[in-house]
Amino acid sequence: MAIQTPSPTTEETRPPAPAALWLTESEQPVSRHRLLRGALAALAAVVALGAIPGAIFVVPALPHTWLHQGIIAPFADFTIPGLTLGVLCGGGALVAVITVLLRPRIGAPVALAAGLLLVGFELVEILVVGFTPLFYPSQPASWLQVVYLGIGAAMVVLGELLWILERTADYTYTVAANERGM
């Protein structure tokens, strides 16, 4: 009578990835998940570091005539735009940095919301003060509207991708745990 040995599972028979042949464990490529979280946290940090000081120091020093250059003029002074920039955009981005790094499942929708707030703020800013690259095309600071619109859109996209990845990772873990009888 022959002794039967258990057949190897697919993981045991799968050859190592090509990079794993010459890289040590500490030199393995960074996972997409970590890269996505890092990129999202970096973008949110840029927004927080620009919006909070901007609301405190820059916005109150702007000429009041700028409030009436655009299509609409709903503000008498810079109080509401300054608070919106500092608290909603800057504060939201700061919360996004912290949550993306510490609790990515919560951080993903927070970053998505912070990106939407930033895009909304910039669109209202364009309506109120005008599209500054048209008024001052030679001044680099006038292009900040475009830059922050891009950063906000990138935060929305990356936040959504991280949210999908977090839900998929949780589902994969749950399925694997159920298959092992946990």
Protein backbone atom coordinates (compact mmCIF):
# COMPACT_ATOMS: atom_id res chain seq x y z
CA MET A 1 0.00 0.00 0.00
CA ALA A 2 1.43 3.37 -1.05
CA ILE A 3 1.37 6.37 1.21
CA GLN A 4 -0.43 9.25 -0.36
CA THR A 5 1.06 12.67 0.11
CA PRO A 6 -1.16 15.69 -0.14
CA SER A 7 -0.92 17.48 -3.43
CA PRO A 8 0.70 20.90 -3.23
CA THR A 9 -1.58 23.91 -3.31
CA THR A 10 -1.40 26.38 -6.12
CA GLU A 11 0.56 28.80 -3.94
CA GLU A 12 3.26 26.22 -3.30
CA THR A 13 3.65 25.39 -6.99
CA ARG A 14 3.52 28.97 -8.24
CA PRO A 15 6.97 30.21 -9.27
CA PRO A 16 8.20 33.39 -7.60
CA ALA A 17 7.69 36.68 -9.35
CA PRO A 18 10.66 37.64 -11.53
CA ALA A 19 11.64 40.53 -9.23
CA ALA A 20 11.63 38.19 -6.25
CA LEU A 21 14.44 36.16 -7.80
CA TRP A 22 17.08 38.84 -7.21
CA LEU A 23 15.53 41.23 -4.68
CA THR A 24 15.51 40.66 -0.95
CA GLU A 25 12.26 41.00 0.94
CA SER A 26 13.12 44.55 2.06
CA GLU A 27 13.83 45.57 -1.56
CA GLN A 28 10.49 44.35 -2.97
CA PRO A 29 8.53 46.94 -4.95
CA VAL A 30 6.11 49.07 -2.95
CA SER A 31 2.54 47.87 -3.25
CA ARG A 32 0.05 49.87 -5.27
CA HIS A 33 -1.94 50.40 -2.12
CA ARG A 34 0.95 52.09 -0.31
CA LEU A 35 1.85 54.13 -3.36
CA LEU A 36 -1.74 55.30 -3.74
CA ARG A 37 -1.98 56.24 -0.07
CA GLY A 38 1.33 58.10 -0.23
CA ALA A 39 0.36 60.05 -3.34
CA LEU A 40 -3.02 60.96 -1.89
CA ALA A 41 -1.50 62.02 1.44
CA ALA A 42 1.13 64.12 -0.38
CA LEU A 43 -1.50 65.93 -2.47
CA ALA A 44 -3.65 66.58 0.60
CA ALA A 45 -0.59 67.85 2.50
CA VAL A 46 0.20 70.30 -0.30
CA VAL A 47 -3.37 71.60 -0.12
CA ALA A 48 -3.32 71.89 3.69
CA LEU A 49 0.07 73.63 3.68
CA GLY A 50 -1.16 76.10 1.06
CA ALA A 51 -4.75 76.69 2.12
CA ILE A 52 -4.42 77.19 5.87
CA PRO A 53 -1.64 79.83 5.74
CA GLY A 54 -3.29 81.32 2.64
CA ALA A 55 -6.52 81.83 4.55
CA ILE A 56 -4.71 83.39 7.50
CA PHE A 57 -2.15 85.62 5.78
CA VAL A 58 -2.86 86.04 2.06
CA VAL A 59 -6.62 86.26 1.62
CA PRO A 60 -7.19 89.14 4.12
CA ALA A 61 -4.45 91.18 2.39
CA LEU A 62 -6.00 90.94 -1.10
CA PRO A 63 -7.57 94.06 -2.61
CA HIS A 64 -11.35 94.20 -2.16
CA THR A 65 -11.76 95.09 -5.84
CA TRP A 66 -10.88 91.47 -6.66
CA LEU A 67 -14.19 90.37 -5.15
CA HIS A 68 -16.05 92.07 -7.99
CA GLN A 69 -14.03 91.07 -11.06
CA GLY A 70 -15.91 87.88 -11.87
CA ILE A 71 -19.36 86.95 -13.00
CA ILE A 72 -20.88 87.03 -9.50
CA ALA A 73 -20.15 89.21 -6.44
CA PRO A 74 -21.77 87.57 -3.38
CA PHE A 75 -19.15 88.64 -0.80
CA ALA A 76 -18.65 92.08 0.73
CA ASP A 77 -15.26 91.11 2.18
CA PHE A 78 -12.91 88.12 2.38
CA THR A 79 -14.27 86.67 5.64
CA ILE A 80 -16.39 83.89 4.14
CA PRO A 81 -13.90 82.98 1.37
CA GLY A 82 -11.05 83.01 3.91
CA LEU A 83 -12.91 80.76 6.36
CA THR A 84 -13.96 78.46 3.55
CA LEU A 85 -10.41 78.19 2.28
CA GLY A 86 -8.87 77.65 5.72
CA VAL A 87 -11.46 75.50 7.45
CA LEU A 88 -13.11 73.51 4.67
CA CYS A 89 -10.31 73.19 2.10
CA GLY A 90 -7.26 73.34 4.39
CA GLY A 91 -8.85 71.60 7.37
CA GLY A 92 -10.45 68.96 5.17
CA ALA A 93 -7.13 68.29 3.49
CA LEU A 94 -5.38 68.04 6.87
CA VAL A 95 -7.95 65.53 8.10
CA ALA A 96 -7.50 63.65 4.81
CA VAL A 97 -3.73 63.41 5.32
CA ILE A 98 -4.15 62.00 8.81
CA THR A 99 -6.92 59.55 7.97
CA VAL A 100 -5.35 58.33 4.71
CA LEU A 101 -2.17 57.46 6.60
CA LEU A 102 -3.74 56.07 9.78
CA ARG A 103 -7.15 54.72 8.70
CA PRO A 104 -7.22 54.41 4.90
CA ARG A 105 -10.71 52.96 4.83
CA ILE A 106 -12.02 56.18 6.39
CA GLY A 107 -9.38 58.34 4.70
CA ALA A 108 -10.46 57.42 1.18
CA PRO A 109 -13.92 59.06 1.32
CA VAL A 110 -12.50 61.93 3.41
CA ALA A 111 -9.87 62.63 0.73
CA LEU A 112 -12.50 62.34 -1.99
CA ALA A 113 -14.68 64.89 -0.15
CA ALA A 114 -11.68 67.19 0.43
CA GLY A 115 -10.91 67.05 -3.30
CA LEU A 116 -14.52 67.89 -4.16
CA LEU A 117 -14.46 70.82 -1.70
CA LEU A 118 -11.26 72.12 -3.29
CA VAL A 119 -12.66 71.85 -6.82
CA GLY A 120 -15.87 73.56 -5.69
CA PHE A 121 -13.93 76.34 -3.95
CA GLU A 122 -11.81 76.96 -7.05
CA LEU A 123 -14.85 77.04 -9.34
CA VAL A 124 -16.58 79.59 -7.08
CA GLU A 125 -13.32 81.55 -6.91
CA ILE A 126 -13.23 81.67 -10.71
CA LEU A 127 -16.82 82.95 -10.74
CA VAL A 128 -16.05 85.62 -8.12
CA VAL A 129 -12.56 86.91 -9.00
CA GLY A 130 -12.41 85.71 -12.60
CA PHE A 131 -10.08 83.27 -14.27
CA THR A 132 -6.77 84.83 -13.24
CA PRO A 133 -4.61 83.32 -16.03
CA LEU A 134 -6.64 85.46 -18.45
CA PHE A 135 -6.11 88.65 -16.41
CA TYR A 136 -2.48 88.09 -15.43
CA PRO A 137 -0.99 85.44 -17.77
CA SER A 138 2.63 86.46 -17.14
CA GLN A 139 2.40 86.11 -13.34
CA PRO A 140 3.07 82.54 -12.13
CA ALA A 141 0.75 82.94 -9.11
CA SER A 142 -2.19 83.50 -11.42
CA TRP A 143 -1.96 79.86 -12.49
CA LEU A 144 -2.68 78.59 -8.97
CA GLN A 145 -6.36 78.23 -9.84
CA VAL A 146 -5.47 75.74 -12.55
CA VAL A 147 -2.96 73.94 -10.32
CA TYR A 148 -5.41 73.58 -7.44
CA LEU A 149 -8.21 72.48 -9.76
CA GLY A 150 -5.88 69.74 -10.98
CA ILE A 151 -4.86 68.75 -7.46
CA GLY A 152 -8.50 68.64 -6.36
CA ALA A 153 -9.46 66.50 -9.34
CA ALA A 154 -6.51 64.18 -8.66
CA MET A 155 -7.60 63.86 -5.01
CA VAL A 156 -11.10 62.91 -6.13
CA VAL A 157 -9.79 60.23 -8.52
CA LEU A 158 -7.18 58.84 -6.10
CA GLY A 159 -9.66 58.94 -3.21
CA GLU A 160 -12.13 56.91 -5.25
CA LEU A 161 -9.42 54.42 -6.28
CA LEU A 162 -8.31 54.00 -2.67
CA TRP A 163 -11.90 53.56 -1.57
CA ILE A 164 -12.40 50.81 -4.16
CA LEU A 165 -9.11 49.19 -3.18
CA GLU A 166 -10.01 49.29 0.51
CA ARG A 167 -13.42 47.70 -0.10
CA THR A 168 -11.88 45.07 -2.39
CA ALA A 169 -9.11 44.29 0.12
CA ASP A 170 -11.68 43.87 2.88
CA TYR A 171 -13.79 41.60 0.65
CA THR A 172 -10.74 39.53 -0.34
CA TYR A 173 -9.70 39.16 3.31
CA THR A 174 -13.24 38.15 4.32
CA VAL A 175 -13.48 35.55 1.54
CA ALA A 176 -10.05 34.13 2.37
CA ALA A 177 -10.89 33.98 6.08
CA ASN A 178 -14.20 32.23 5.34
CA GLU A 179 -12.46 29.68 3.13
CA ARG A 180 -10.04 28.86 5.93
CA GLY A 181 -12.94 28.49 8.35
CA MET A 182 -12.16 31.59 10.41
